[in-house]
Amino acid sequence: MSTVRSLRIPSRRARLLAARLHGSLQSGPVVVIAHGMLSHKGSPRHRLSAQLLSSLGLSVVRFDFAGRGASEGDSRDIT
């Protein structure tokens, strides 16, 4: 099982986006999981997808858009 760690990613509007990294950014290709308008990075679907992909040896980043989940900002910032 890969390691999972929390990340904070700065956005263009000086907001920090909450993210989770499965694996390493140094180990090759990285899959980015982006949720829909009413979802968030911690939804069961996104967690399971990240676990399955990382079990295949891929690194995965799942994140919350601005104003969703644990990210800073207002959801209107994503439009």
C-alpha atoms as a PDB file:
ATOM      1  CA  MET A   1       0.000   0.000   0.000  1.00  0.00           C
ATOM      2  CA  SER A   2       1.341   3.450  -0.902  1.00  0.00           C
ATOM      3  CA  THR A   3       1.823   6.277   1.515  1.00  0.00           C
ATOM      4  CA  VAL A   4      -0.852   8.959   1.614  1.00  0.00           C
ATOM      5  CA  ARG A   5      -0.069  12.486   2.704  1.00  0.00           C
ATOM      6  CA  SER A   6      -1.824  15.830   2.828  1.00  0.00           C
ATOM      7  CA  LEU A   7      -0.782  18.681   0.554  1.00  0.00           C
ATOM      8  CA  ARG A   8      -1.722  22.360   0.282  1.00  0.00           C
ATOM      9  CA  ILE A   9      -1.509  23.672  -3.291  1.00  0.00           C
ATOM     10  CA  PRO A  10      -1.405  27.451  -3.900  1.00  0.00           C
ATOM     11  CA  SER A  11      -3.873  28.681  -6.530  1.00  0.00           C
ATOM     12  CA  ARG A  12      -3.720  31.748  -8.783  1.00  0.00           C
ATOM     13  CA  ARG A  13      -6.009  33.651  -6.424  1.00  0.00           C
ATOM     14  CA  ALA A  14      -3.695  33.141  -3.414  1.00  0.00           C
ATOM     15  CA  ARG A  15      -5.974  30.457  -1.981  1.00  0.00           C
ATOM     16  CA  LEU A  16      -4.706  27.125  -0.723  1.00  0.00           C
ATOM     17  CA  LEU A  17      -6.310  24.030  -2.190  1.00  0.00           C
ATOM     18  CA  ALA A  18      -6.441  20.911  -0.001  1.00  0.00           C
ATOM     19  CA  ALA A  19      -5.098  17.737  -1.598  1.00  0.00           C
ATOM     20  CA  ARG A  20      -4.069  14.169  -0.818  1.00  0.00           C
ATOM     21  CA  LEU A  21      -1.104  12.489  -2.502  1.00  0.00           C
ATOM     22  CA  HIS A  22      -1.031   8.699  -2.832  1.00  0.00           C
ATOM     23  CA  GLY A  23       2.543   7.659  -3.635  1.00  0.00           C
ATOM     24  CA  SER A  24       5.259  10.103  -4.681  1.00  0.00           C
ATOM     25  CA  LEU A  25       5.596  12.977  -7.107  1.00  0.00           C
ATOM     26  CA  GLN A  26       9.076  11.624  -7.909  1.00  0.00           C
ATOM     27  CA  SER A  27       8.033   8.169  -9.102  1.00  0.00           C
ATOM     28  CA  GLY A  28       6.818   8.785 -12.661  1.00  0.00           C
ATOM     29  CA  PRO A  29       3.353   9.578 -14.032  1.00  0.00           C
ATOM     30  CA  VAL A  30       0.799  11.115 -11.674  1.00  0.00           C
ATOM     31  CA  VAL A  31      -2.962  10.718 -12.068  1.00  0.00           C
ATOM     32  CA  VAL A  32      -4.978  13.792 -11.010  1.00  0.00           C
ATOM     33  CA  ILE A  33      -8.512  13.167  -9.749  1.00  0.00           C
ATOM     34  CA  ALA A  34     -10.774  16.225 -10.040  1.00  0.00           C
ATOM     35  CA  HIS A  35     -14.259  16.077  -8.537  1.00  0.00           C
ATOM     36  CA  GLY A  36     -17.534  17.431  -9.926  1.00  0.00           C
ATOM     37  CA  MET A  37     -19.311  20.612  -8.813  1.00  0.00           C
ATOM     38  CA  LEU A  38     -21.091  19.152  -5.767  1.00  0.00           C
ATOM     39  CA  SER A  39     -18.431  16.669  -4.683  1.00  0.00           C
ATOM     40  CA  HIS A  40     -15.065  16.775  -2.871  1.00  0.00           C
ATOM     41  CA  LYS A  41     -11.760  14.889  -2.756  1.00  0.00           C
ATOM     42  CA  GLY A  42     -12.888  12.710   0.153  1.00  0.00           C
ATOM     43  CA  SER A  43     -15.907  11.168  -1.533  1.00  0.00           C
ATOM     44  CA  PRO A  44     -15.921   7.349  -1.433  1.00  0.00           C
ATOM     45  CA  ARG A  45     -15.636   7.173  -5.235  1.00  0.00           C
ATOM     46  CA  HIS A  46     -12.511   9.341  -5.345  1.00  0.00           C
ATOM     47  CA  ARG A  47     -10.856   7.609  -2.380  1.00  0.00           C
ATOM     48  CA  LEU A  48     -11.469   4.173  -3.923  1.00  0.00           C
ATOM     49  CA  SER A  49     -10.227   5.294  -7.346  1.00  0.00           C
ATOM     50  CA  ALA A  50      -7.028   6.640  -5.779  1.00  0.00           C
ATOM     51  CA  GLN A  51      -6.478   3.440  -3.799  1.00  0.00           C
ATOM     52  CA  LEU A  52      -6.973   1.244  -6.863  1.00  0.00           C
ATOM     53  CA  LEU A  53      -4.685   3.330  -9.057  1.00  0.00           C
ATOM     54  CA  SER A  54      -1.963   3.495  -6.409  1.00  0.00           C
ATOM     55  CA  SER A  55      -2.172  -0.296  -5.946  1.00  0.00           C
ATOM     56  CA  LEU A  56      -1.192  -0.510  -9.642  1.00  0.00           C
ATOM     57  CA  GLY A  57       1.928   1.543  -8.907  1.00  0.00           C
ATOM     58  CA  LEU A  58       0.656   4.928 -10.062  1.00  0.00           C
ATOM     59  CA  SER A  59       0.911   8.074  -7.967  1.00  0.00           C
ATOM     60  CA  VAL A  60      -2.392   9.903  -7.501  1.00  0.00           C
ATOM     61  CA  VAL A  61      -3.359  13.412  -6.416  1.00  0.00           C
ATOM     62  CA  ARG A  62      -6.961  14.134  -5.473  1.00  0.00           C
ATOM     63  CA  PHE A  63      -7.843  17.696  -4.498  1.00  0.00           C
ATOM     64  CA  ASP A  64     -10.700  19.995  -3.544  1.00  0.00           C
ATOM     65  CA  PHE A  65     -11.472  22.918  -5.835  1.00  0.00           C
ATOM     66  CA  ALA A  66     -11.739  26.371  -4.200  1.00  0.00           C
ATOM     67  CA  GLY A  67     -14.621  26.609  -1.744  1.00  0.00           C
ATOM     68  CA  ARG A  68     -15.206  22.837  -1.654  1.00  0.00           C
ATOM     69  CA  GLY A  69     -14.169  20.298   0.962  1.00  0.00           C
ATOM     70  CA  ALA A  70     -11.130  21.518   2.917  1.00  0.00           C
ATOM     71  CA  SER A  71      -9.920  24.113   0.365  1.00  0.00           C
ATOM     72  CA  GLU A  72      -9.946  27.833   0.998  1.00  0.00           C
ATOM     73  CA  GLY A  73     -12.025  30.263  -0.993  1.00  0.00           C
ATOM     74  CA  ASP A  74     -15.505  30.456  -2.386  1.00  0.00           C
ATOM     75  CA  SER A  75     -16.971  27.929  -4.802  1.00  0.00           C
ATOM     76  CA  ARG A  76     -17.688  30.872  -7.145  1.00  0.00           C
ATOM     77  CA  ASP A  77     -13.896  31.128  -7.601  1.00  0.00           C
ATOM     78  CA  ILE A  78     -13.875  28.007  -9.792  1.00  0.00           C
ATOM     79  CA  THR A  79     -15.900  29.592 -12.606  1.00  0.00           C
END
